[in-house]
């Protein structure tokens, strides 16, 4: 099993939590595609717990993931070409991280 704070660990965790279909490419492009085409719904709220662990472990990986989630939230649509709201909530107790991130997601 991949380290949960590695790129492959993060991608695998999203795939498992959101039940991405097999075969699932297990790379950044596959993650983005699967997030773009989640099953139709009235909207999605994704809650990421303990995001400060990733921030402290690998800030570059943190920025990559949060930028992907931000971009998906700005463009989220369904296979029917309808806009589907997609919001991400990052949970942390680290006041420094809250100051750095603000409310940009």
PDB file of N, CA and C in Angstrom:
ATOM      1  N   UNK A   1       0.850  -1.189   0.000  1.00  0.00           N
ATOM      2  CA  UNK A   1       0.000   0.000   0.000  1.00  0.00           C
ATOM      3  C   UNK A   1       0.891   1.247   0.000  1.00  0.00           C
ATOM      4  N   UNK A   2       0.507   2.245  -0.764  1.00  0.00           N
ATOM      5  CA  UNK A   2       1.274   3.476  -0.882  1.00  0.00           C
ATOM      6  C   UNK A   2       1.146   4.320   0.381  1.00  0.00           C
ATOM      7  N   UNK A   3       2.199   5.102   0.646  1.00  0.00           N
ATOM      8  CA  UNK A   3       2.174   6.052   1.754  1.00  0.00           C
ATOM      9  C   UNK A   3       1.021   7.023   1.515  1.00  0.00           C
ATOM     10  N   UNK A   4       0.189   7.229   2.538  1.00  0.00           N
ATOM     11  CA  UNK A   4      -1.008   8.067   2.370  1.00  0.00           C
ATOM     12  C   UNK A   4      -0.680   9.517   2.025  1.00  0.00           C
ATOM     13  N   UNK A   5       0.559   9.957   2.287  1.00  0.00           N
ATOM     14  CA  UNK A   5       0.942  11.335   1.972  1.00  0.00           C
ATOM     15  C   UNK A   5       1.788  11.425   0.709  1.00  0.00           C
ATOM     16  N   UNK A   6       1.803  10.362  -0.072  1.00  0.00           N
ATOM     17  CA  UNK A   6       2.509  10.374  -1.358  1.00  0.00           C
ATOM     18  C   UNK A   6       1.489  10.641  -2.458  1.00  0.00           C
ATOM     19  N   UNK A   7       1.945  11.047  -3.640  1.00  0.00           N
ATOM     20  CA  UNK A   7       0.977  11.238  -4.730  1.00  0.00           C
ATOM     21  C   UNK A   7       0.129   9.992  -4.984  1.00  0.00           C
ATOM     22  N   UNK A   8       0.765   8.820  -5.040  1.00  0.00           N
ATOM     23  CA  UNK A   8      -0.012   7.603  -5.310  1.00  0.00           C
ATOM     24  C   UNK A   8      -0.966   7.284  -4.160  1.00  0.00           C
ATOM     25  N   UNK A   9      -0.563   7.564  -2.918  1.00  0.00           N
ATOM     26  CA  UNK A   9      -1.436   7.333  -1.774  1.00  0.00           C
ATOM     27  C   UNK A   9      -2.656   8.237  -1.789  1.00  0.00           C
ATOM     28  N   UNK A  10      -2.446   9.482  -2.153  1.00  0.00           N
ATOM     29  CA  UNK A  10      -3.557  10.441  -2.233  1.00  0.00           C
ATOM     30  C   UNK A  10      -4.517  10.044  -3.349  1.00  0.00           C
ATOM     31  N   UNK A  11      -3.969   9.740  -4.502  1.00  0.00           N
ATOM     32  CA  UNK A  11      -4.795   9.360  -5.651  1.00  0.00           C
ATOM     33  C   UNK A  11      -5.585   8.092  -5.341  1.00  0.00           C
ATOM     34  N   UNK A  12      -4.932   7.137  -4.713  1.00  0.00           N
ATOM     35  CA  UNK A  12      -5.599   5.886  -4.347  1.00  0.00           C
ATOM     36  C   UNK A  12      -6.712   6.128  -3.323  1.00  0.00           C
ATOM     37  N   UNK A  13      -6.461   7.011  -2.353  1.00  0.00           N
ATOM     38  CA  UNK A  13      -7.470   7.310  -1.330  1.00  0.00           C
ATOM     39  C   UNK A  13      -8.715   7.950  -1.951  1.00  0.00           C
ATOM     40  N   UNK A  14      -8.520   8.872  -2.900  1.00  0.00           N
ATOM     41  CA  UNK A  14      -9.663   9.479  -3.579  1.00  0.00           C
ATOM     42  C   UNK A  14     -10.441   8.426  -4.359  1.00  0.00           C
ATOM     43  N   UNK A  15      -9.724   7.555  -5.064  1.00  0.00           N
ATOM     44  CA  UNK A  15     -10.377   6.513  -5.842  1.00  0.00           C
ATOM     45  C   UNK A  15     -11.218   5.594  -4.983  1.00  0.00           C
ATOM     46  N   UNK A  16     -10.665   5.218  -3.835  1.00  0.00           N
ATOM     47  CA  UNK A  16     -11.392   4.325  -2.935  1.00  0.00           C
ATOM     48  C   UNK A  16     -12.597   5.039  -2.312  1.00  0.00           C
ATOM     49  N   UNK A  17     -12.377   6.252  -1.801  1.00  0.00           N
ATOM     50  CA  UNK A  17     -13.454   6.986  -1.124  1.00  0.00           C
ATOM     51  C   UNK A  17     -14.602   7.334  -2.067  1.00  0.00           C
ATOM     52  N   UNK A  18     -14.278   7.663  -3.311  1.00  0.00           N
ATOM     53  CA  UNK A  18     -15.304   8.081  -4.263  1.00  0.00           C
ATOM     54  C   UNK A  18     -15.726   6.953  -5.207  1.00  0.00           C
ATOM     55  N   UNK A  19     -15.197   5.753  -4.954  1.00  0.00           N
ATOM     56  CA  UNK A  19     -15.561   4.559  -5.719  1.00  0.00           C
ATOM     57  C   UNK A  19     -15.401   4.764  -7.222  1.00  0.00           C
ATOM     58  N   UNK A  20     -14.195   5.209  -7.615  1.00  0.00           N
ATOM     59  CA  UNK A  20     -13.920   5.372  -9.035  1.00  0.00           C
ATOM     60  C   UNK A  20     -13.998   4.008  -9.723  1.00  0.00           C
ATOM     61  N   UNK A  21     -14.451   3.998 -10.960  1.00  0.00           N
ATOM     62  CA  UNK A  21     -14.621   2.728 -11.672  1.00  0.00           C
ATOM     63  C   UNK A  21     -13.283   2.084 -12.042  1.00  0.00           C
ATOM     64  N   UNK A  22     -13.286   0.779 -12.136  1.00  0.00           N
ATOM     65  CA  UNK A  22     -12.110   0.058 -12.636  1.00  0.00           C
ATOM     66  C   UNK A  22     -12.266  -0.088 -14.144  1.00  0.00           C
ATOM     67  N   UNK A  23     -11.246  -0.025 -14.935  1.00  0.00           N
ATOM     68  CA  UNK A  23      -9.898   0.314 -14.499  1.00  0.00           C
ATOM     69  C   UNK A  23      -9.763   1.823 -14.312  1.00  0.00           C
ATOM     70  N   UNK A  24      -9.143   2.200 -13.233  1.00  0.00           N
ATOM     71  CA  UNK A  24      -8.909   3.594 -12.872  1.00  0.00           C
ATOM     72  C   UNK A  24      -7.413   3.826 -12.990  1.00  0.00           C
ATOM     73  N   UNK A  25      -6.996   4.774 -13.797  1.00  0.00           N
ATOM     74  CA  UNK A  25      -5.593   4.979 -14.147  1.00  0.00           C
ATOM     75  C   UNK A  25      -4.636   5.250 -13.006  1.00  0.00           C
ATOM     76  N   UNK A  26      -5.126   5.681 -11.854  1.00  0.00           N
ATOM     77  CA  UNK A  26      -4.305   5.945 -10.673  1.00  0.00           C
ATOM     78  C   UNK A  26      -3.132   6.890 -10.936  1.00  0.00           C
ATOM     79  N   UNK A  27      -3.427   7.990 -11.629  1.00  0.00           N
ATOM     80  CA  UNK A  27      -2.460   9.069 -11.812  1.00  0.00           C
ATOM     81  C   UNK A  27      -3.233  10.386 -11.751  1.00  0.00           C
ATOM     82  N   UNK A  28      -2.517  11.504 -11.793  1.00  0.00           N
ATOM     83  CA  UNK A  28      -3.184  12.806 -11.642  1.00  0.00           C
ATOM     84  C   UNK A  28      -4.241  13.025 -12.723  1.00  0.00           C
ATOM     85  N   UNK A  29      -3.928  12.684 -13.972  1.00  0.00           N
ATOM     86  CA  UNK A  29      -4.901  12.890 -15.058  1.00  0.00           C
ATOM     87  C   UNK A  29      -6.163  12.055 -14.839  1.00  0.00           C
ATOM     88  N   UNK A  30      -5.981  10.810 -14.391  1.00  0.00           N
ATOM     89  CA  UNK A  30      -7.137   9.949 -14.125  1.00  0.00           C
ATOM     90  C   UNK A  30      -7.970  10.510 -12.969  1.00  0.00           C
ATOM     91  N   UNK A  31      -7.296  11.015 -11.922  1.00  0.00           N
ATOM     92  CA  UNK A  31      -8.012  11.624 -10.801  1.00  0.00           C
ATOM     93  C   UNK A  31      -8.859  12.797 -11.291  1.00  0.00           C
ATOM     94  N   UNK A  32      -8.259  13.664 -12.085  1.00  0.00           N
ATOM     95  CA  UNK A  32      -8.975  14.835 -12.608  1.00  0.00           C
ATOM     96  C   UNK A  32     -10.171  14.387 -13.449  1.00  0.00           C
ATOM     97  N   UNK A  33      -9.962  13.434 -14.340  1.00  0.00           N
ATOM     98  CA  UNK A  33     -11.066  12.955 -15.183  1.00  0.00           C
ATOM     99  C   UNK A  33     -12.196  12.361 -14.353  1.00  0.00           C
ATOM    100  N   UNK A  34     -11.836  11.548 -13.356  1.00  0.00           N
ATOM    101  CA  UNK A  34     -12.875  10.929 -12.521  1.00  0.00           C
ATOM    102  C   UNK A  34     -13.626  11.973 -11.695  1.00  0.00           C
ATOM    103  N   UNK A  35     -12.934  12.999 -11.214  1.00  0.00           N
ATOM    104  CA  UNK A  35     -13.611  14.063 -10.474  1.00  0.00           C
ATOM    105  C   UNK A  35     -14.523  14.866 -11.396  1.00  0.00           C
ATOM    106  N   UNK A  36     -14.105  15.071 -12.627  1.00  0.00           N
ATOM    107  CA  UNK A  36     -14.932  15.812 -13.584  1.00  0.00           C
ATOM    108  C   UNK A  36     -16.217  15.071 -13.922  1.00  0.00           C
ATOM    109  N   UNK A  37     -16.153  13.757 -13.914  1.00  0.00           N
ATOM    110  CA  UNK A  37     -17.287  12.974 -14.373  1.00  0.00           C
ATOM    111  C   UNK A  37     -17.824  12.049 -13.289  1.00  0.00           C
ATOM    112  N   UNK A  38     -17.965  12.593 -12.087  1.00  0.00           N
ATOM    113  CA  UNK A  38     -18.638  11.850 -11.020  1.00  0.00           C
ATOM    114  C   UNK A  38     -20.084  11.602 -11.454  1.00  0.00           C
ATOM    115  N   UNK A  39     -20.711  10.563 -10.918  1.00  0.00           N
ATOM    116  CA  UNK A  39     -22.107  10.308 -11.305  1.00  0.00           C
ATOM    117  C   UNK A  39     -22.974  11.546 -11.079  1.00  0.00           C
ATOM    118  N   UNK A  40     -23.964  11.710 -11.935  1.00  0.00           N
ATOM    119  CA  UNK A  40     -24.833  12.881 -11.824  1.00  0.00           C
ATOM    120  C   UNK A  40     -25.439  12.987 -10.437  1.00  0.00           C
ATOM    121  N   UNK A  41     -25.491  14.200  -9.968  1.00  0.00           N
ATOM    122  CA  UNK A  41     -26.008  14.521  -8.650  1.00  0.00           C
ATOM    123  C   UNK A  41     -26.433  15.976  -8.682  1.00  0.00           C
ATOM    124  N   UNK A  42     -27.050  16.427  -7.619  1.00  0.00           N
ATOM    125  CA  UNK A  42     -27.371  17.856  -7.535  1.00  0.00           C
ATOM    126  C   UNK A  42     -26.152  18.645  -7.100  1.00  0.00           C
ATOM    127  N   UNK A  43     -25.110  17.957  -6.647  1.00  0.00           N
ATOM    128  CA  UNK A  43     -23.876  18.617  -6.247  1.00  0.00           C
ATOM    129  C   UNK A  43     -23.038  17.721  -5.359  1.00  0.00           C
ATOM    130  N   UNK A  44     -21.821  18.144  -5.126  1.00  0.00           N
ATOM    131  CA  UNK A  44     -20.888  17.396  -4.287  1.00  0.00           C
ATOM    132  C   UNK A  44     -20.212  18.319  -3.291  1.00  0.00           C
ATOM    133  N   UNK A  45     -20.020  17.820  -2.079  1.00  0.00           N
ATOM    134  CA  UNK A  45     -19.204  18.482  -1.071  1.00  0.00           C
ATOM    135  C   UNK A  45     -18.176  17.443  -0.634  1.00  0.00           C
ATOM    136  N   UNK A  46     -16.924  17.754  -0.872  1.00  0.00           N
ATOM    137  CA  UNK A  46     -15.833  16.854  -0.539  1.00  0.00           C
ATOM    138  C   UNK A  46     -15.147  17.383   0.717  1.00  0.00           C
ATOM    139  N   UNK A  47     -15.035  16.548   1.738  1.00  0.00           N
ATOM    140  CA  UNK A  47     -14.392  16.952   2.985  1.00  0.00           C
ATOM    141  C   UNK A  47     -13.065  16.216   3.098  1.00  0.00           C
ATOM    142  N   UNK A  48     -11.980  16.980   3.190  1.00  0.00           N
ATOM    143  CA  UNK A  48     -10.638  16.410   3.322  1.00  0.00           C
ATOM    144  C   UNK A  48     -10.174  16.675   4.747  1.00  0.00           C
ATOM    145  N   UNK A  49     -10.032  15.589   5.522  1.00  0.00           N
ATOM    146  CA  UNK A  49      -9.635  15.718   6.926  1.00  0.00           C
ATOM    147  C   UNK A  49      -8.115  15.841   7.048  1.00  0.00           C
ATOM    148  N   UNK A  50      -7.686  16.533   8.071  1.00  0.00           N
ATOM    149  CA  UNK A  50      -6.270  16.631   8.447  1.00  0.00           C
ATOM    150  C   UNK A  50      -5.378  17.061   7.292  1.00  0.00           C
ATOM    151  N   UNK A  51      -5.818  18.047   6.527  1.00  0.00           N
ATOM    152  CA  UNK A  51      -5.038  18.522   5.391  1.00  0.00           C
ATOM    153  C   UNK A  51      -3.687  19.089   5.841  1.00  0.00           C
ATOM    154  N   UNK A  52      -3.599  19.498   7.111  1.00  0.00           N
ATOM    155  CA  UNK A  52      -2.341  20.033   7.626  1.00  0.00           C
ATOM    156  C   UNK A  52      -1.220  18.990   7.598  1.00  0.00           C
ATOM    157  N   UNK A  53      -1.559  17.713   7.679  1.00  0.00           N
ATOM    158  CA  UNK A  53      -0.531  16.667   7.583  1.00  0.00           C
ATOM    159  C   UNK A  53       0.172  16.736   6.231  1.00  0.00           C
ATOM    160  N   UNK A  54      -0.600  16.943   5.170  1.00  0.00           N
ATOM    161  CA  UNK A  54      -0.012  17.047   3.843  1.00  0.00           C
ATOM    162  C   UNK A  54       0.777  18.340   3.709  1.00  0.00           C
ATOM    163  N   UNK A  55       0.230  19.436   4.219  1.00  0.00           N
ATOM    164  CA  UNK A  55       0.912  20.738   4.170  1.00  0.00           C
ATOM    165  C   UNK A  55       2.291  20.651   4.832  1.00  0.00           C
ATOM    166  N   UNK A  56       2.352  20.025   5.993  1.00  0.00           N
ATOM    167  CA  UNK A  56       3.621  19.921   6.723  1.00  0.00           C
ATOM    168  C   UNK A  56       4.576  18.930   6.065  1.00  0.00           C
ATOM    169  N   UNK A  57       4.047  17.881   5.478  1.00  0.00           N
ATOM    170  CA  UNK A  57       4.868  16.845   4.868  1.00  0.00           C
ATOM    171  C   UNK A  57       5.433  17.263   3.513  1.00  0.00           C
ATOM    172  N   UNK A  58       4.590  17.887   2.681  1.00  0.00           N
ATOM    173  CA  UNK A  58       5.003  18.222   1.317  1.00  0.00           C
ATOM    174  C   UNK A  58       4.155  19.379   0.787  1.00  0.00           C
ATOM    175  N   UNK A  59       4.578  20.616   1.051  1.00  0.00           N
ATOM    176  CA  UNK A  59       3.786  21.772   0.605  1.00  0.00           C
ATOM    177  C   UNK A  59       3.514  21.780  -0.905  1.00  0.00           C
ATOM    178  N   UNK A  60       4.464  21.324  -1.715  1.00  0.00           N
ATOM    179  CA  UNK A  60       4.242  21.296  -3.164  1.00  0.00           C
ATOM    180  C   UNK A  60       3.114  20.340  -3.538  1.00  0.00           C
ATOM    181  N   UNK A  61       3.068  19.193  -2.894  1.00  0.00           N
ATOM    182  CA  UNK A  61       2.000  18.232  -3.138  1.00  0.00           C
ATOM    183  C   UNK A  61       0.662  18.791  -2.641  1.00  0.00           C
ATOM    184  N   UNK A  62       0.697  19.483  -1.511  1.00  0.00           N
ATOM    185  CA  UNK A  62      -0.498  20.151  -0.979  1.00  0.00           C
ATOM    186  C   UNK A  62      -1.057  21.122  -2.024  1.00  0.00           C
ATOM    187  N   UNK A  63      -0.164  21.960  -2.584  1.00  0.00           N
ATOM    188  CA  UNK A  63      -0.619  22.937  -3.576  1.00  0.00           C
ATOM    189  C   UNK A  63      -1.145  22.243  -4.834  1.00  0.00           C
ATOM    190  N   UNK A  64      -0.502  21.168  -5.263  1.00  0.00           N
ATOM    191  CA  UNK A  64      -0.980  20.442  -6.444  1.00  0.00           C
ATOM    192  C   UNK A  64      -2.399  19.935  -6.213  1.00  0.00           C
ATOM    193  N   UNK A  65      -2.615  19.258  -5.084  1.00  0.00           N
ATOM    194  CA  UNK A  65      -3.935  18.717  -4.786  1.00  0.00           C
ATOM    195  C   UNK A  65      -4.978  19.818  -4.642  1.00  0.00           C
ATOM    196  N   UNK A  66      -4.677  20.857  -3.881  1.00  0.00           N
ATOM    197  CA  UNK A  66      -5.688  21.902  -3.661  1.00  0.00           C
ATOM    198  C   UNK A  66      -5.989  22.679  -4.937  1.00  0.00           C
ATOM    199  N   UNK A  67      -5.011  22.829  -5.810  1.00  0.00           N
ATOM    200  CA  UNK A  67      -5.278  23.499  -7.082  1.00  0.00           C
ATOM    201  C   UNK A  67      -6.160  22.625  -7.977  1.00  0.00           C
ATOM    202  N   UNK A  68      -5.943  21.329  -7.960  1.00  0.00           N
ATOM    203  CA  UNK A  68      -6.817  20.423  -8.714  1.00  0.00           C
ATOM    204  C   UNK A  68      -8.246  20.538  -8.191  1.00  0.00           C
ATOM    205  N   UNK A  69      -8.408  20.487  -6.881  1.00  0.00           N
ATOM    206  CA  UNK A  69      -9.750  20.560  -6.292  1.00  0.00           C
ATOM    207  C   UNK A  69     -10.398  21.908  -6.574  1.00  0.00           C
ATOM    208  N   UNK A  70      -9.616  22.977  -6.504  1.00  0.00           N
ATOM    209  CA  UNK A  70     -10.141  24.315  -6.819  1.00  0.00           C
ATOM    210  C   UNK A  70     -10.603  24.379  -8.271  1.00  0.00           C
ATOM    211  N   UNK A  71      -9.768  23.881  -9.184  1.00  0.00           N
ATOM    212  CA  UNK A  71     -10.110  23.935 -10.604  1.00  0.00           C
ATOM    213  C   UNK A  71     -11.355  23.105 -10.911  1.00  0.00           C
ATOM    214  N   UNK A  72     -11.460  21.932 -10.313  1.00  0.00           N
ATOM    215  CA  UNK A  72     -12.655  21.101 -10.521  1.00  0.00           C
ATOM    216  C   UNK A  72     -13.887  21.837 -10.009  1.00  0.00           C
ATOM    217  N   UNK A  73     -13.763  22.493  -8.872  1.00  0.00           N
ATOM    218  CA  UNK A  73     -14.885  23.259  -8.328  1.00  0.00           C
ATOM    219  C   UNK A  73     -15.320  24.397  -9.230  1.00  0.00           C
ATOM    220  N   UNK A  74     -14.371  24.968  -9.962  1.00  0.00           N
ATOM    221  CA  UNK A  74     -14.699  26.072 -10.854  1.00  0.00           C
ATOM    222  C   UNK A  74     -15.296  25.614 -12.180  1.00  0.00           C
ATOM    223  N   UNK A  75     -15.029  24.367 -12.561  1.00  0.00           N
ATOM    224  CA  UNK A  75     -15.488  23.908 -13.873  1.00  0.00           C
ATOM    225  C   UNK A  75     -16.438  22.731 -13.826  1.00  0.00           C
ATOM    226  N   UNK A  76     -16.791  22.264 -12.647  1.00  0.00           N
ATOM    227  CA  UNK A  76     -17.500  20.995 -12.496  1.00  0.00           C
ATOM    228  C   UNK A  76     -18.731  20.903 -13.396  1.00  0.00           C
ATOM    229  N   UNK A  77     -18.800  19.792 -14.123  1.00  0.00           N
ATOM    230  CA  UNK A  77     -19.929  19.536 -15.007  1.00  0.00           C
ATOM    231  C   UNK A  77     -20.167  18.036 -15.090  1.00  0.00           C
ATOM    232  N   UNK A  78     -21.271  17.666 -15.661  1.00  0.00           N
ATOM    233  CA  UNK A  78     -21.614  16.254 -15.778  1.00  0.00           C
ATOM    234  C   UNK A  78     -21.468  15.808 -17.227  1.00  0.00           C
ATOM    235  N   UNK A  79     -21.625  14.520 -17.456  1.00  0.00           N
ATOM    236  CA  UNK A  79     -21.569  14.006 -18.819  1.00  0.00           C
ATOM    237  C   UNK A  79     -22.705  14.553 -19.666  1.00  0.00           C
ATOM    238  N   UNK A  80     -23.727  15.124 -19.030  1.00  0.00           N
ATOM    239  CA  UNK A  80     -24.848  15.739 -19.743  1.00  0.00           C
ATOM    240  C   UNK A  80     -24.582  17.218 -20.033  1.00  0.00           C
ATOM    241  N   UNK A  81     -23.379  17.697 -19.732  1.00  0.00           N
ATOM    242  CA  UNK A  81     -22.981  19.091 -19.940  1.00  0.00           C
ATOM    243  C   UNK A  81     -23.746  20.064 -19.041  1.00  0.00           C
ATOM    244  N   UNK A  82     -24.180  19.605 -17.885  1.00  0.00           N
ATOM    245  CA  UNK A  82     -24.836  20.472 -16.906  1.00  0.00           C
ATOM    246  C   UNK A  82     -23.822  20.805 -15.816  1.00  0.00           C
ATOM    247  N   UNK A  83     -23.866  22.027 -15.319  1.00  0.00           N
ATOM    248  CA  UNK A  83     -22.973  22.375 -14.210  1.00  0.00           C
ATOM    249  C   UNK A  83     -23.464  21.720 -12.931  1.00  0.00           C
ATOM    250  N   UNK A  84     -22.546  21.041 -12.268  1.00  0.00           N
ATOM    251  CA  UNK A  84     -22.835  20.375 -11.002  1.00  0.00           C
ATOM    252  C   UNK A  84     -21.940  21.026  -9.943  1.00  0.00           C
ATOM    253  N   UNK A  85     -22.515  21.629  -8.900  1.00  0.00           N
ATOM    254  CA  UNK A  85     -21.679  22.250  -7.865  1.00  0.00           C
ATOM    255  C   UNK A  85     -20.735  21.225  -7.231  1.00  0.00           C
ATOM    256  N   UNK A  86     -19.490  21.627  -7.049  1.00  0.00           N
ATOM    257  CA  UNK A  86     -18.461  20.783  -6.441  1.00  0.00           C
ATOM    258  C   UNK A  86     -17.676  21.672  -5.491  1.00  0.00           C
ATOM    259  N   UNK A  87     -17.809  21.427  -4.215  1.00  0.00           N
ATOM    260  CA  UNK A  87     -17.135  22.232  -3.190  1.00  0.00           C
ATOM    261  C   UNK A  87     -16.217  21.340  -2.375  1.00  0.00           C
ATOM    262  N   UNK A  88     -15.123  21.911  -1.907  1.00  0.00           N
ATOM    263  CA  UNK A  88     -14.179  21.179  -1.069  1.00  0.00           C
ATOM    264  C   UNK A  88     -14.015  21.904   0.254  1.00  0.00           C
ATOM    265  N   UNK A  89     -14.089  21.148   1.335  1.00  0.00           N
ATOM    266  CA  UNK A  89     -13.839  21.677   2.676  1.00  0.00           C
ATOM    267  C   UNK A  89     -12.577  21.001   3.189  1.00  0.00           C
ATOM    268  N   UNK A  90     -11.597  21.818   3.554  1.00  0.00           N
ATOM    269  CA  UNK A  90     -10.341  21.309   4.104  1.00  0.00           C
ATOM    270  C   UNK A  90     -10.370  21.488   5.613  1.00  0.00           C
ATOM    271  N   UNK A  91     -10.227  20.405   6.356  1.00  0.00           N
ATOM    272  CA  UNK A  91     -10.264  20.472   7.810  1.00  0.00           C
ATOM    273  C   UNK A  91      -8.843  20.492   8.372  1.00  0.00           C
ATOM    274  N   UNK A  92      -8.587  21.470   9.228  1.00  0.00           N
ATOM    275  CA  UNK A  92      -7.284  21.601   9.862  1.00  0.00           C
ATOM    276  C   UNK A  92      -7.434  22.334  11.180  1.00  0.00           C
ATOM    277  N   UNK A  93      -6.493  22.092  12.063  1.00  0.00           N
ATOM    278  CA  UNK A  93      -6.422  22.853  13.310  1.00  0.00           C
ATOM    279  C   UNK A  93      -5.188  23.741  13.324  1.00  0.00           C
ATOM    280  N   UNK A  94      -4.467  23.783  12.223  1.00  0.00           N
ATOM    281  CA  UNK A  94      -3.220  24.536  12.115  1.00  0.00           C
ATOM    282  C   UNK A  94      -3.531  25.976  11.701  1.00  0.00           C
ATOM    283  N   UNK A  95      -3.376  26.910  12.615  1.00  0.00           N
ATOM    284  CA  UNK A  95      -3.718  28.305  12.327  1.00  0.00           C
ATOM    285  C   UNK A  95      -2.848  28.888  11.225  1.00  0.00           C
ATOM    286  N   UNK A  96      -1.602  28.437  11.088  1.00  0.00           N
ATOM    287  CA  UNK A  96      -0.731  28.920  10.013  1.00  0.00           C
ATOM    288  C   UNK A  96      -1.297  28.503   8.654  1.00  0.00           C
ATOM    289  N   UNK A  97      -1.770  27.291   8.559  1.00  0.00           N
ATOM    290  CA  UNK A  97      -2.339  26.818   7.301  1.00  0.00           C
ATOM    291  C   UNK A  97      -3.600  27.601   6.963  1.00  0.00           C
ATOM    292  N   UNK A  98      -4.412  27.886   7.933  1.00  0.00           N
ATOM    293  CA  UNK A  98      -5.616  28.674   7.685  1.00  0.00           C
ATOM    294  C   UNK A  98      -5.245  30.053   7.154  1.00  0.00           C
ATOM    295  N   UNK A  99      -4.203  30.652   7.710  1.00  0.00           N
ATOM    296  CA  UNK A  99      -3.764  31.969   7.256  1.00  0.00           C
ATOM    297  C   UNK A  99      -3.244  31.901   5.817  1.00  0.00           C
ATOM    298  N   UNK A 100      -2.485  30.864   5.487  1.00  0.00           N
ATOM    299  CA  UNK A 100      -1.901  30.731   4.157  1.00  0.00           C
ATOM    300  C   UNK A 100      -2.970  30.474   3.114  1.00  0.00           C
ATOM    301  N   UNK A 101      -3.901  29.585   3.403  1.00  0.00           N
ATOM    302  CA  UNK A 101      -4.902  29.186   2.431  1.00  0.00           C
ATOM    303  C   UNK A 101      -6.025  30.197   2.323  1.00  0.00           C
ATOM    304  N   UNK A 102      -6.448  30.735   3.436  1.00  0.00           N
ATOM    305  CA  UNK A 102      -7.587  31.644   3.414  1.00  0.00           C
ATOM    306  C   UNK A 102      -8.818  30.924   2.904  1.00  0.00           C
ATOM    307  N   UNK A 103      -9.558  31.568   2.060  1.00  0.00           N
ATOM    308  CA  UNK A 103     -10.799  30.978   1.549  1.00  0.00           C
ATOM    309  C   UNK A 103     -10.749  30.809   0.034  1.00  0.00           C
ATOM    310  N   UNK A 104      -9.578  30.493  -0.500  1.00  0.00           N
ATOM    311  CA  UNK A 104      -9.440  30.438  -1.954  1.00  0.00           C
ATOM    312  C   UNK A 104     -10.079  29.216  -2.582  1.00  0.00           C
ATOM    313  N   UNK A 105     -10.379  28.183  -1.798  1.00  0.00           N
ATOM    314  CA  UNK A 105     -11.043  27.023  -2.386  1.00  0.00           C
ATOM    315  C   UNK A 105     -12.506  27.275  -2.330  1.00  0.00           C
TER     316      UNK A 105
END
